[in-house]
Amino acid sequence: MNKLEILKQYFGYSNFRDGQEELIDSILNGCDCLGVMPTGAGKSICFQVPSLLFSGITLVISPLISLMKDQVNALTQAGVKAAFINSSLSDRQTFLALENARNGVYKIIYVAPERLESAEFINFAINANISMVAVDEAHCVSQWGQDFRPSYLNIAGFVQKLPVRPVVTAFTATATEKVREDIIGLLELENPHAFVTGFDRPNLFFKVEKPDNKDAALFSFLQEKGDKPGIIYCATRKAVEEVCHRLNANNFSASRYHAGLSDQERHDNQDDFLHDRVQIMVATNAFGMGIDKSNVNFVVHYNMPKNIESYYQEAGRAGRDGENADCLLLYSGQDYRTQLFMIDNNDEADEELKRQDRKRLADMTNFCYTYDCLRTYILRYFGEPTRDNCGNCHNCLTIFDKTDITIEAQKILSCVIKSGERYGAGTIVDTLRGSKAEKIIRFNLHKLSTYNISTLSEKSLRDIITFLAYHEYLHITDDKFPVLKRGSRAAEVLKQGALIEMTIVKEETRAKTKNTTVSNPGLFENLKQLRLQIATREKVPAFVIFSDRTLADMCEKMPKNEEEFQAVSGVGQMKLEKYGEEFLEVINTKNFNW
């Protein structure tokens, strides 16, 4: 069989997506490869197709148990012999899995990076025919990535122990140039072919709100979403508990996921979400890496995440089926302070890493305040040149007005300078507003000429300070306790009389997500019901049977026989044999008028 026959027989597709074929060809030619592809672009296909053409076994190194389970479920449904080996298996199950592997039962084996340190596993690998080692979520190898895992540093040493060096490949959705360099160096890729297919997810709609009441904004958003599934990310376990409780109290179907729950409860709650028994998952960033649920319609960040990499990876869990999806971030100043506290109290990070994390937090905060195209901001962060206006984010669909903040900017800058450029934003705001706090009196800030000269609210002053920092009139240091200093453009305001205008919303266009119109909606609903029955019978999530997009293609093509059914996108040979008869019966029934 060739690569296209593999693609159709096992995965049900007739053509590769952009970037897939070139990467697969390089792997099949024996080259080490780095693939940087956005979530939903089909990274897994890029190592799964070659693995079925290689003579030996492909080891896929993956960071999370849930990812392995989903991938192996999907491969098994497609007719591929695959297994995972991780801490969820008993000793007996691990022994049997390795025994089957030794006997050539599996083509693909998913393992956690920690498994590579096991003497038993190393002994198996040394005596097995390993054709490829594929490293998924490869950004985890870099301290400059958003999910650094020390166990990933052992991968290169493991490969060196193998008697014959296999092809080594690495895949990730989000990696700056620095992280890409780390992946190549720390995994010791040999003359790798690097494929960066682009970071853009054109089907995602981005919006940042700064509501006075986050819950009211969230509930309004969810009511518009109806019964569509989605994820709400919170910065802390406490926030997860509180938001989940309020959602259920207001008749939303929600569950929770964070590291403070037992393994069993996390497993059960995740299973409920994957099987559509609950609509909304409220979670910390402990949830989601590698989650394969394809029909997530929205991702809400109830709190701002710590960096752009984390935000884009988490937001990218929406719309993996290619349908339009919403990514909403609800920002408040407390979000910044929460993330800064977590950075400064990370005992596992050295001061240089903390400094870098503070810089990335500043980039994330600037994203929340920019009035430029949100998609452009993200893509330029990852080094991808792009146009200035995407037409599919909230900022691009909003008409803004400008207000003169020159006088307030001069007050803020003067206060920063007169106080010796030694204080953070909170102290400067308190001074400007005439606070009688003990700290203000102790440092004699109440004696400054800038004391009590502003009538603006704390929030308005903080918004202006962030704006001034973003445009380099102010500089916020990367210290443990960030300090305001004059920026490179401060003289333009204080000495040259420059006018500073801050953008505010004048007219907002409410963009609603429009999913692809489905032909024969009545048939579509009946096919979904059949899919749910089969998924319940097979004990797998519904999307593992067929995606919504595949069901929609069935409604469009209306296949009358097995040959026509296999022409549906997403229908491979195994799924034709297993489910074709049942789906054809529903499609061709005479009891409904589609």
Protein backbone atom coordinates (compact mmCIF):
# COMPACT_ATOMS: atom_id res chain seq x y z
CA MET A 1 0.00 0.00 0.00
CA ASN A 2 1.09 3.59 -0.56
CA LYS A 3 0.49 6.68 1.60
CA LEU A 4 -2.76 7.68 -0.14
CA GLU A 5 -4.17 4.15 0.15
CA ILE A 6 -3.29 4.15 3.86
CA LEU A 7 -4.96 7.56 4.28
CA LYS A 8 -8.19 6.37 2.70
CA GLN A 9 -8.37 2.84 4.09
CA TYR A 10 -7.66 3.70 7.72
CA PHE A 11 -8.62 7.35 8.07
CA GLY A 12 -11.25 7.79 5.39
CA TYR A 13 -9.71 10.76 3.55
CA SER A 14 -8.85 10.99 -0.13
CA ASN A 15 -6.42 13.91 0.09
CA PHE A 16 -3.89 15.27 2.53
CA ARG A 17 -4.27 18.68 4.13
CA ASP A 18 -1.80 21.49 3.56
CA GLY A 19 1.66 20.55 4.77
CA GLN A 20 0.89 16.92 5.63
CA GLU A 21 2.15 15.23 2.47
CA GLU A 22 5.50 17.04 2.36
CA LEU A 23 6.16 16.15 6.00
CA ILE A 24 5.14 12.51 5.50
CA ASP A 25 7.37 12.21 2.43
CA SER A 26 10.37 13.46 4.42
CA ILE A 27 9.69 10.94 7.19
CA LEU A 28 9.32 8.09 4.71
CA ASN A 29 12.67 9.13 3.22
CA GLY A 30 14.24 8.55 6.64
CA CYS A 31 14.68 12.20 7.66
CA ASP A 32 14.27 13.54 11.17
CA CYS A 33 11.48 16.13 11.12
CA LEU A 34 9.98 18.93 13.18
CA GLY A 35 6.34 19.69 12.43
CA VAL A 36 4.76 22.87 13.80
CA MET A 37 1.08 22.76 12.86
CA PRO A 38 -1.92 24.44 14.49
CA THR A 39 -4.34 22.38 16.55
CA GLY A 40 -6.83 20.72 14.23
CA ALA A 41 -4.45 20.69 11.24
CA GLY A 42 -3.88 16.93 11.45
CA LYS A 43 -0.50 16.50 13.13
CA SER A 44 -1.27 12.91 14.17
CA ILE A 45 -1.79 11.81 10.57
CA CYS A 46 1.77 12.93 9.84
CA PHE A 47 3.28 10.23 12.06
CA GLN A 48 0.47 7.67 11.91
CA VAL A 49 0.56 7.22 8.12
CA PRO A 50 4.35 6.60 7.98
CA SER A 51 4.11 4.26 10.96
CA LEU A 52 1.82 1.98 8.95
CA LEU A 53 4.29 1.92 6.06
CA PHE A 54 7.43 1.33 8.13
CA SER A 55 8.41 -2.27 8.83
CA GLY A 56 8.76 -1.86 12.58
CA ILE A 57 7.08 -0.22 15.54
CA THR A 58 6.51 3.49 16.03
CA LEU A 59 6.80 4.76 19.61
CA VAL A 60 4.75 7.90 20.21
CA ILE A 61 5.87 9.82 23.30
CA SER A 62 2.95 11.71 24.75
CA PRO A 63 2.60 13.68 28.00
CA LEU A 64 -0.92 12.80 29.10
CA ILE A 65 -2.84 9.60 29.70
CA SER A 66 -6.05 11.08 28.29
CA LEU A 67 -4.33 11.89 25.00
CA MET A 68 -3.02 8.34 24.64
CA LYS A 69 -6.42 6.82 25.39
CA ASP A 70 -8.21 9.01 22.84
CA GLN A 71 -5.63 8.40 20.13
CA VAL A 72 -5.56 4.65 20.66
CA ASN A 73 -9.38 4.49 20.71
CA ALA A 74 -9.52 6.34 17.39
CA LEU A 75 -6.83 4.14 15.82
CA THR A 76 -8.49 0.94 17.01
CA GLN A 77 -11.82 2.10 15.56
CA ALA A 78 -10.01 2.72 12.26
CA GLY A 79 -8.57 -0.80 12.25
CA VAL A 80 -5.02 0.04 13.34
CA LYS A 81 -3.34 -2.18 15.94
CA ALA A 82 -2.27 0.26 18.63
CA ALA A 83 -1.74 0.33 22.39
CA PHE A 84 -0.64 2.62 25.18
CA ILE A 85 1.63 1.93 28.13
CA ASN A 86 1.32 4.28 31.08
CA SER A 87 0.59 4.41 34.80
CA SER A 88 -3.12 3.72 34.29
CA LEU A 89 -2.28 0.06 33.52
CA SER A 90 -1.72 -2.58 36.15
CA ASP A 91 1.56 -4.49 36.21
CA ARG A 92 -0.21 -7.42 34.57
CA GLN A 93 -1.66 -5.23 31.81
CA THR A 94 1.74 -3.64 31.19
CA PHE A 95 3.36 -7.08 30.96
CA LEU A 96 0.75 -8.26 28.44
CA ALA A 97 1.07 -5.07 26.37
CA LEU A 98 4.84 -5.49 26.15
CA GLU A 99 4.47 -9.19 25.36
CA ASN A 100 2.08 -8.37 22.50
CA ALA A 101 4.50 -5.70 21.31
CA ARG A 102 7.36 -8.20 21.27
CA ASN A 103 5.19 -10.51 19.17
CA GLY A 104 4.56 -7.79 16.60
CA VAL A 105 0.89 -7.22 17.43
CA TYR A 106 1.11 -3.40 17.47
CA LYS A 107 2.29 -0.93 14.85
CA ILE A 108 1.95 2.09 17.14
CA ILE A 109 2.61 2.25 20.88
CA TYR A 110 1.97 5.39 22.94
CA VAL A 111 4.16 5.84 26.01
CA ALA A 112 4.64 8.50 28.65
CA PRO A 113 8.15 10.03 28.72
CA GLU A 114 8.70 8.68 32.24
CA ARG A 115 8.35 5.14 30.83
CA LEU A 116 11.61 5.60 28.93
CA GLU A 117 13.48 5.37 32.25
CA SER A 118 12.04 1.93 33.06
CA ALA A 119 14.58 -0.89 32.79
CA GLU A 120 11.81 -3.22 31.62
CA PHE A 121 10.78 -0.86 28.81
CA ILE A 122 14.36 -0.11 27.78
CA ASN A 123 15.04 -3.85 27.54
CA PHE A 124 11.95 -4.26 25.33
CA ALA A 125 12.95 -1.36 23.07
CA ILE A 126 16.55 -2.52 22.63
CA ASN A 127 15.32 -5.89 21.38
CA ALA A 128 12.45 -4.54 19.26
CA ASN A 129 12.40 -3.21 15.71
CA ILE A 130 11.76 0.49 16.36
CA SER A 131 11.31 2.34 13.07
CA MET A 132 10.32 5.74 14.44
CA VAL A 133 10.15 7.69 17.68
CA ALA A 134 7.54 10.44 17.39
CA VAL A 135 7.51 13.10 20.12
CA ASP A 136 4.09 14.69 20.48
CA GLU A 137 3.62 18.04 22.29
CA ALA A 138 7.34 18.52 21.69
CA HIS A 139 7.37 22.03 23.20
CA CYS A 140 7.38 20.25 26.60
CA VAL A 141 11.14 19.70 26.17
CA SER A 142 11.89 23.43 26.40
CA GLN A 143 11.97 25.55 29.54
CA TRP A 144 10.82 28.40 27.28
CA GLY A 145 7.73 26.44 26.29
CA GLN A 146 4.47 26.71 28.20
CA ASP A 147 4.38 23.11 29.50
CA PHE A 148 7.99 22.22 30.33
CA ARG A 149 8.35 18.64 31.57
CA PRO A 150 11.79 17.54 32.78
CA SER A 151 11.07 13.94 31.73
CA TYR A 152 11.18 15.07 28.08
CA LEU A 153 14.91 15.74 28.52
CA ASN A 154 15.45 11.96 28.76
CA ILE A 155 14.18 11.25 25.25
CA ALA A 156 17.48 11.85 23.45
CA GLY A 157 19.32 9.55 25.87
CA PHE A 158 16.73 6.83 25.32
CA VAL A 159 17.16 7.03 21.54
CA GLN A 160 20.94 6.71 21.96
CA LYS A 161 20.46 3.37 23.76
CA LEU A 162 18.72 1.80 20.75
CA PRO A 163 21.01 -0.44 18.66
CA VAL A 164 19.77 1.11 15.41
CA ARG A 165 18.79 4.78 15.48
CA PRO A 166 15.21 5.19 14.27
CA VAL A 167 13.74 8.21 12.53
CA VAL A 168 12.99 10.83 15.20
CA THR A 169 10.14 13.27 14.66
CA ALA A 170 8.71 16.04 16.82
CA PHE A 171 5.33 17.75 16.65
CA THR A 172 3.76 20.75 18.34
CA ALA A 173 1.06 23.34 17.72
CA THR A 174 2.67 26.33 19.42
CA ALA A 175 6.38 27.12 19.37
CA THR A 176 8.26 30.37 19.11
CA GLU A 177 11.59 30.38 17.29
CA LYS A 178 13.43 29.91 20.60
CA VAL A 179 11.30 26.86 21.47
CA ARG A 180 11.81 25.38 18.00
CA GLU A 181 15.58 25.70 18.46
CA ASP A 182 15.31 23.93 21.83
CA ILE A 183 13.25 21.10 20.35
CA ILE A 184 15.85 20.45 17.65
CA GLY A 185 18.78 20.70 20.07
CA LEU A 186 17.43 18.92 23.15
CA LEU A 187 15.89 16.04 21.17
CA GLU A 188 19.12 15.85 19.14
CA LEU A 189 17.32 15.80 15.79
CA GLU A 190 19.84 15.09 13.04
CA ASN A 191 19.70 17.51 10.09
CA PRO A 192 15.96 17.82 10.57
CA HIS A 193 13.50 19.01 7.97
CA ALA A 194 11.41 21.67 9.72
CA PHE A 195 7.85 22.25 8.57
CA VAL A 196 6.02 25.27 9.96
CA THR A 197 2.68 25.23 8.17
CA GLY A 198 1.39 28.38 9.83
CA PHE A 199 -0.31 29.12 13.11
CA ASP A 200 -3.55 30.56 11.82
CA ARG A 201 -6.89 28.98 12.70
CA PRO A 202 -9.24 30.95 10.42
CA ASN A 203 -12.37 29.26 11.81
CA LEU A 204 -11.78 30.68 15.32
CA PHE A 205 -13.35 34.00 16.32
CA PHE A 206 -11.38 35.86 19.01
CA LYS A 207 -12.79 38.33 21.50
CA VAL A 208 -11.51 39.98 24.70
CA GLU A 209 -13.98 41.54 27.14
CA LYS A 210 -13.30 43.52 30.33
CA PRO A 211 -16.73 43.22 31.98
CA ASP A 212 -17.64 44.71 35.34
CA ASN A 213 -19.39 41.41 36.10
CA LYS A 214 -17.72 38.32 34.61
CA ASP A 215 -20.54 35.96 35.54
CA ALA A 216 -23.16 38.10 33.81
CA ALA A 217 -21.01 38.25 30.67
CA LEU A 218 -20.39 34.49 30.83
CA PHE A 219 -24.04 33.56 31.33
CA SER A 220 -25.10 35.79 28.45
CA PHE A 221 -22.53 34.16 26.18
CA LEU A 222 -23.53 30.63 27.20
CA GLN A 223 -27.23 31.33 26.65
CA GLU A 224 -26.45 32.25 23.06
CA LYS A 225 -24.50 29.01 22.70
CA GLY A 226 -27.48 26.83 23.60
CA ASP A 227 -26.53 23.18 23.98
CA LYS A 228 -23.18 23.38 22.18
CA PRO A 229 -20.20 21.87 24.08
CA GLY A 230 -17.38 24.05 25.33
CA ILE A 231 -14.56 24.55 27.83
CA ILE A 232 -14.16 27.30 30.43
CA TYR A 233 -10.61 27.77 31.72
CA CYS A 234 -9.93 29.30 35.13
CA ALA A 235 -6.59 30.26 36.67
CA THR A 236 -7.08 28.53 40.04
CA ARG A 237 -8.81 25.50 41.53
CA LYS A 238 -10.93 27.80 43.70
CA ALA A 239 -12.18 29.67 40.63
CA VAL A 240 -13.03 26.34 38.94
CA GLU A 241 -15.11 25.26 41.93
CA GLU A 242 -16.92 28.58 42.19
CA VAL A 243 -17.67 28.97 38.48
CA CYS A 244 -18.82 25.36 38.12
CA HIS A 245 -21.13 25.74 41.14
CA ARG A 246 -22.67 28.96 39.80
CA LEU A 247 -23.21 27.42 36.35
CA ASN A 248 -25.04 24.40 37.73
CA ALA A 249 -27.05 26.64 40.06
CA ASN A 250 -28.19 28.53 36.95
CA ASN A 251 -29.22 25.36 35.10
CA PHE A 252 -26.17 24.97 32.87
CA SER A 253 -24.79 21.45 32.42
CA ALA A 254 -21.25 21.71 33.77
CA SER A 255 -18.53 19.57 35.31
CA ARG A 256 -15.08 20.41 36.74
CA TYR A 257 -11.47 19.33 36.35
CA HIS A 258 -8.39 20.31 38.34
CA ALA A 259 -5.40 18.69 40.05
CA GLY A 260 -7.08 18.83 43.47
CA LEU A 261 -9.65 16.18 42.53
CA SER A 262 -9.03 12.47 42.86
CA ASP A 263 -7.80 10.59 39.79
CA GLN A 264 -11.14 8.78 39.61
CA GLU A 265 -13.22 11.96 39.70
CA ARG A 266 -11.07 13.64 37.07
CA HIS A 267 -11.41 10.55 34.87
CA ASP A 268 -15.18 10.36 35.35
CA ASN A 269 -15.72 14.07 34.74
CA GLN A 270 -13.59 14.04 31.62
CA ASP A 271 -15.44 10.98 30.38
CA ASP A 272 -18.79 12.71 30.91
CA PHE A 273 -17.61 15.65 28.82
CA LEU A 274 -16.14 13.50 26.04
CA HIS A 275 -19.33 11.42 25.83
CA ASP A 276 -21.56 14.54 25.79
CA ARG A 277 -23.19 13.73 29.11
CA VAL A 278 -22.30 17.26 30.25
CA GLN A 279 -22.09 20.29 28.02
CA ILE A 280 -19.42 22.41 29.71
CA MET A 281 -16.09 21.54 31.30
CA VAL A 282 -14.79 24.10 33.80
CA ALA A 283 -11.09 23.48 34.33
CA THR A 284 -7.62 24.70 35.11
CA ASN A 285 -4.91 24.23 32.52
CA ALA A 286 -4.50 20.69 33.92
CA PHE A 287 -7.28 19.78 31.47
CA GLY A 288 -7.05 19.58 27.77
CA MET A 289 -3.60 18.94 26.34
CA GLY A 290 -4.25 16.50 23.54
CA ILE A 291 -7.99 16.19 24.20
CA ASP A 292 -9.36 14.95 20.89
CA LYS A 293 -13.00 16.03 21.31
CA SER A 294 -13.55 17.48 17.87
CA ASN A 295 -16.87 19.30 18.34
CA VAL A 296 -15.87 21.80 21.05
CA ASN A 297 -17.74 24.91 19.89
CA PHE A 298 -16.25 27.46 22.25
CA VAL A 299 -13.45 28.09 24.71
CA VAL A 300 -13.87 30.76 27.38
CA HIS A 301 -10.97 31.99 29.47
CA TYR A 302 -12.62 33.16 32.66
CA ASN A 303 -9.18 34.39 33.72
CA MET A 304 -6.29 35.54 31.57
CA PRO A 305 -3.69 32.76 31.14
CA LYS A 306 0.01 33.28 31.83
CA ASN A 307 1.24 33.62 28.24
CA ILE A 308 0.23 33.69 24.59
CA GLU A 309 1.43 30.11 24.04
CA SER A 310 -0.93 28.74 26.71
CA TYR A 311 -3.79 30.94 25.53
CA TYR A 312 -3.51 29.89 21.90
CA GLN A 313 -3.11 26.21 22.69
CA GLU A 314 -6.14 26.24 24.99
CA ALA A 315 -8.24 28.38 22.65
CA GLY A 316 -7.26 26.00 19.84
CA ARG A 317 -9.24 23.19 21.45
CA ALA A 318 -12.30 24.82 19.91
CA GLY A 319 -13.26 24.09 16.33
CA ARG A 320 -11.06 21.07 15.73
CA ASP A 321 -13.72 19.74 13.36
CA GLY A 322 -13.20 22.76 11.12
CA GLU A 323 -16.49 24.37 12.09
CA ASN A 324 -16.57 27.99 13.21
CA ALA A 325 -16.02 28.42 16.94
CA ASP A 326 -15.70 31.19 19.53
CA CYS A 327 -12.75 32.04 21.78
CA LEU A 328 -13.72 34.52 24.51
CA LEU A 329 -11.34 35.94 27.12
CA LEU A 330 -12.83 37.72 30.15
CA TYR A 331 -10.10 39.97 31.55
CA SER A 332 -9.71 41.84 34.81
CA GLY A 333 -6.69 43.42 36.47
CA GLN A 334 -6.81 40.77 39.18
CA ASP A 335 -5.96 38.17 36.52
CA TYR A 336 -2.58 39.81 36.00
CA ARG A 337 -1.87 39.89 39.72
CA THR A 338 -2.89 36.22 40.12
CA GLN A 339 -0.59 35.06 37.32
CA LEU A 340 2.28 37.21 38.60
CA PHE A 341 1.89 35.69 42.07
CA MET A 342 2.06 32.17 40.61
CA ILE A 343 5.18 33.03 38.60
CA ASP A 344 6.98 34.54 41.59
CA ASN A 345 6.08 31.62 43.86
CA ASN A 346 7.15 28.89 41.46
CA ASP A 347 9.90 27.24 43.49
CA GLU A 348 10.96 25.04 40.55
CA ALA A 349 11.93 28.00 38.34
CA ASP A 350 15.17 29.94 38.58
CA GLU A 351 15.20 33.74 38.45
CA GLU A 352 16.02 33.89 34.74
CA LEU A 353 13.04 31.70 33.89
CA LYS A 354 10.81 33.81 36.14
CA ARG A 355 12.02 36.92 34.36
CA GLN A 356 11.13 35.38 31.02
CA ASP A 357 7.73 34.34 32.37
CA ARG A 358 7.06 37.91 33.50
CA LYS A 359 7.92 39.15 30.02
CA ARG A 360 5.52 36.67 28.47
CA LEU A 361 2.85 37.67 30.97
CA ALA A 362 3.32 41.28 29.84
CA ASP A 363 2.83 40.17 26.22
CA MET A 364 -0.36 38.37 27.25
CA THR A 365 -1.62 41.44 29.10
CA ASN A 366 -0.92 43.62 26.07
CA PHE A 367 -3.05 41.23 24.00
CA CYS A 368 -5.94 41.95 26.34
CA TYR A 369 -5.53 45.69 25.81
CA THR A 370 -4.70 45.95 22.13
CA TYR A 371 -7.27 47.46 19.78
CA ASP A 372 -5.46 46.07 16.76
CA CYS A 373 -6.47 42.79 15.11
CA LEU A 374 -6.30 40.02 17.72
CA ARG A 375 -5.38 37.34 15.20
CA THR A 376 -2.56 39.49 13.83
CA TYR A 377 -1.21 39.99 17.37
CA ILE A 378 -1.06 36.21 17.94
CA LEU A 379 0.47 35.33 14.58
CA ARG A 380 3.15 38.02 14.83
CA TYR A 381 4.01 36.79 18.31
CA PHE A 382 4.89 33.43 16.76
CA GLY A 383 6.88 35.16 14.03
CA GLU A 384 4.37 34.67 11.22
CA PRO A 385 3.94 37.63 8.86
CA THR A 386 0.30 38.44 8.30
CA ARG A 387 -2.09 41.13 7.15
CA ASP A 388 -3.23 43.84 9.55
CA ASN A 389 -6.94 43.00 9.55
CA CYS A 390 -8.37 39.47 9.63
CA GLY A 391 -12.07 40.44 9.52
CA ASN A 392 -12.86 37.61 11.94
CA CYS A 393 -12.10 38.91 15.42
CA HIS A 394 -13.95 41.28 17.72
CA ASN A 395 -11.51 44.14 17.20
CA CYS A 396 -11.79 43.95 13.42
CA LEU A 397 -15.59 44.12 13.65
CA THR A 398 -15.70 46.99 16.13
CA ILE A 399 -15.69 50.71 15.39
CA PHE A 400 -13.44 52.52 17.85
CA ASP A 401 -13.24 56.15 18.85
CA LYS A 402 -10.32 58.00 20.40
CA THR A 403 -10.25 60.03 23.61
CA ASP A 404 -7.53 62.50 24.62
CA ILE A 405 -5.62 61.19 27.67
CA THR A 406 -2.65 63.52 27.37
CA ILE A 407 -3.26 65.29 30.71
CA GLU A 408 -3.76 62.01 32.60
CA ALA A 409 -0.65 60.56 30.92
CA GLN A 410 1.37 63.57 32.06
CA LYS A 411 0.07 63.15 35.62
CA ILE A 412 0.99 59.47 35.68
CA LEU A 413 4.46 59.99 34.19
CA SER A 414 5.16 62.90 36.54
CA CYS A 415 4.12 60.79 39.54
CA VAL A 416 6.38 57.94 38.42
CA ILE A 417 9.35 60.28 38.03
CA LYS A 418 8.76 62.37 41.18
CA SER A 419 8.50 59.18 43.26
CA GLY A 420 11.91 58.07 42.01
CA GLU A 421 10.76 55.34 39.59
CA ARG A 422 10.72 52.91 42.52
CA TYR A 423 7.07 51.83 42.79
CA GLY A 424 4.58 49.58 41.07
CA ALA A 425 1.30 50.52 39.41
CA GLY A 426 -0.76 50.03 42.58
CA THR A 427 1.28 52.54 44.59
CA ILE A 428 1.28 55.09 41.75
CA VAL A 429 -2.51 54.79 41.40
CA ASP A 430 -2.98 55.17 45.15
CA THR A 431 -0.80 58.29 45.14
CA LEU A 432 -2.65 59.87 42.22
CA ARG A 433 -6.00 59.16 43.91
CA GLY A 434 -4.92 60.57 47.28
CA SER A 435 -4.92 57.36 49.30
CA LYS A 436 -4.17 57.64 53.00
CA ALA A 437 -2.76 54.13 53.15
CA GLU A 438 0.08 53.53 55.62
CA LYS A 439 2.54 52.84 52.82
CA ILE A 440 1.79 56.14 51.08
CA ILE A 441 2.39 58.10 54.30
CA ARG A 442 5.48 56.09 55.30
CA PHE A 443 7.23 56.82 51.99
CA ASN A 444 6.12 60.48 52.05
CA LEU A 445 4.28 60.07 48.77
CA HIS A 446 1.49 62.23 50.15
CA LYS A 447 3.90 65.18 50.01
CA LEU A 448 4.39 64.93 46.24
CA SER A 449 2.77 67.49 43.97
CA THR A 450 1.13 64.61 42.11
CA TYR A 451 -0.66 63.38 45.24
CA ASN A 452 -4.46 63.40 44.88
CA ILE A 453 -4.47 65.09 41.46
CA SER A 454 -6.57 62.53 39.58
CA THR A 455 -10.32 62.05 39.77
CA LEU A 456 -10.32 58.88 37.69
CA SER A 457 -11.24 55.49 39.11
CA GLU A 458 -8.59 52.92 39.99
CA LYS A 459 -9.63 50.79 36.99
CA SER A 460 -9.40 53.74 34.56
CA LEU A 461 -5.93 54.68 35.80
CA ARG A 462 -4.72 51.09 35.55
CA ASP A 463 -6.11 50.87 32.00
CA ILE A 464 -4.23 54.04 31.04
CA ILE A 465 -1.01 52.76 32.66
CA THR A 466 -1.26 49.53 30.66
CA PHE A 467 -1.92 51.54 27.49
CA LEU A 468 1.10 53.76 28.16
CA ALA A 469 3.30 50.73 28.78
CA TYR A 470 2.09 49.04 25.60
CA HIS A 471 3.02 52.15 23.59
CA GLU A 472 6.39 52.57 25.40
CA TYR A 473 5.60 55.79 27.24
CA LEU A 474 6.05 53.74 30.41
CA HIS A 475 8.25 50.73 31.10
CA ILE A 476 7.25 47.95 33.48
CA THR A 477 10.25 46.04 34.80
CA ASP A 478 10.49 42.24 34.81
CA ASP A 479 11.40 42.14 38.53
CA LYS A 480 9.64 40.02 41.11
CA PHE A 481 7.86 43.21 42.15
CA PRO A 482 7.41 45.10 38.84
CA VAL A 483 8.24 48.81 38.98
CA LEU A 484 7.05 51.61 36.69
CA LYS A 485 9.76 53.63 34.97
CA ARG A 486 9.67 56.19 32.21
CA GLY A 487 9.61 54.54 28.80
CA SER A 488 11.56 55.33 25.66
CA ARG A 489 8.79 57.67 24.46
CA ALA A 490 8.17 59.51 27.76
CA ALA A 491 9.86 62.70 26.57
CA GLU A 492 7.34 62.99 23.74
CA VAL A 493 4.65 63.63 26.35
CA LEU A 494 6.56 65.53 29.01
CA LYS A 495 8.78 67.76 26.85
CA GLN A 496 7.55 67.73 23.28
CA GLY A 497 3.84 68.19 23.99
CA ALA A 498 2.72 65.11 22.04
CA LEU A 499 -1.01 64.37 21.99
CA ILE A 500 -1.91 60.91 23.31
CA GLU A 501 -5.21 59.41 22.30
CA MET A 502 -6.52 56.17 23.76
CA THR A 503 -8.92 54.02 21.79
CA ILE A 504 -12.36 53.29 23.20
CA VAL A 505 -15.30 51.38 21.77
CA LYS A 506 -17.74 53.52 19.79
CA GLU A 507 -19.83 50.89 18.03
CA GLU A 508 -19.66 47.13 18.52
CA THR A 509 -20.73 44.61 15.92
CA ARG A 510 -21.96 41.44 17.58
CA ALA A 511 -20.57 38.57 15.55
CA LYS A 512 -22.24 35.25 16.08
CA THR A 513 -20.66 31.96 15.19
CA LYS A 514 -22.18 30.50 12.07
CA ASN A 515 -21.68 26.81 11.65
CA THR A 516 -21.77 25.16 8.28
CA THR A 517 -25.32 24.70 7.02
CA VAL A 518 -26.25 21.03 7.06
CA SER A 519 -28.23 19.54 4.21
CA ASN A 520 -31.16 17.48 5.48
CA PRO A 521 -31.10 18.61 9.15
CA GLY A 522 -33.67 15.95 10.06
CA LEU A 523 -31.42 13.21 8.73
CA PHE A 524 -28.43 14.79 10.46
CA GLU A 525 -30.16 14.54 13.84
CA ASN A 526 -31.09 10.91 13.21
CA LEU A 527 -27.52 10.09 12.23
CA LYS A 528 -26.34 11.72 15.46
CA GLN A 529 -28.74 9.54 17.43
CA LEU A 530 -27.46 6.41 15.68
CA ARG A 531 -23.88 7.51 16.32
CA LEU A 532 -24.66 7.95 20.02
CA GLN A 533 -26.19 4.46 20.22
CA ILE A 534 -23.11 2.92 18.60
CA ALA A 535 -20.74 4.95 20.78
CA THR A 536 -22.58 3.78 23.90
CA ARG A 537 -22.35 0.21 22.68
CA GLU A 538 -18.63 0.53 21.84
CA LYS A 539 -17.91 2.53 25.04
CA VAL A 540 -16.14 5.33 23.19
CA PRO A 541 -16.96 9.02 22.65
CA ALA A 542 -19.35 9.72 19.77
CA PHE A 543 -16.78 11.67 17.75
CA VAL A 544 -14.55 8.58 17.65
CA ILE A 545 -17.21 6.82 15.56
CA PHE A 546 -17.69 9.69 13.08
CA SER A 547 -17.20 13.45 13.36
CA ASP A 548 -20.05 15.90 12.83
CA ARG A 549 -18.37 16.88 9.58
CA THR A 550 -18.53 13.27 8.35
CA LEU A 551 -22.23 13.08 9.25
CA ALA A 552 -22.82 16.34 7.39
CA ASP A 553 -21.06 14.89 4.34
CA MET A 554 -23.35 11.84 4.52
CA CYS A 555 -26.34 14.21 4.42
CA GLU A 556 -24.83 16.00 1.43
CA LYS A 557 -23.89 12.90 -0.60
CA MET A 558 -26.81 10.64 0.45
CA PRO A 559 -24.93 7.39 -0.33
CA LYS A 560 -27.14 4.50 -1.47
CA ASN A 561 -24.65 1.65 -1.21
CA GLU A 562 -21.32 0.73 0.35
CA GLU A 563 -19.25 2.06 -2.53
CA GLU A 564 -20.90 5.48 -2.27
CA PHE A 565 -20.72 5.38 1.52
CA GLN A 566 -16.94 4.91 1.42
CA ALA A 567 -16.68 8.06 -0.70
CA VAL A 568 -17.87 10.06 2.33
CA SER A 569 -15.04 12.06 3.92
CA GLY A 570 -13.90 10.29 7.10
CA VAL A 571 -15.14 6.81 6.18
CA GLY A 572 -12.33 4.26 5.96
CA GLN A 573 -12.47 0.56 5.18
CA MET A 574 -12.80 -0.59 8.79
CA LYS A 575 -15.59 1.85 9.61
CA LEU A 576 -17.38 0.92 6.39
CA GLU A 577 -17.33 -2.71 7.46
CA LYS A 578 -18.34 -1.99 11.06
CA TYR A 579 -20.96 0.72 10.66
CA GLY A 580 -21.84 1.07 6.98
CA GLU A 581 -24.95 -1.10 7.04
CA GLU A 582 -26.48 0.71 10.03
CA PHE A 583 -25.88 4.20 8.66
CA LEU A 584 -27.04 3.29 5.14
CA GLU A 585 -30.25 1.93 6.61
CA VAL A 586 -31.00 5.26 8.30
CA ILE A 587 -29.96 7.30 5.24
CA ASN A 588 -32.11 5.28 2.86
CA THR A 589 -35.14 4.69 5.06
CA LYS A 590 -38.47 5.58 3.46
CA ASN A 591 -40.05 6.56 6.77
CA PHE A 592 -38.70 10.12 6.73
CA ASN A 593 -38.81 13.00 4.29
CA TRP A 594 -35.30 14.40 4.37
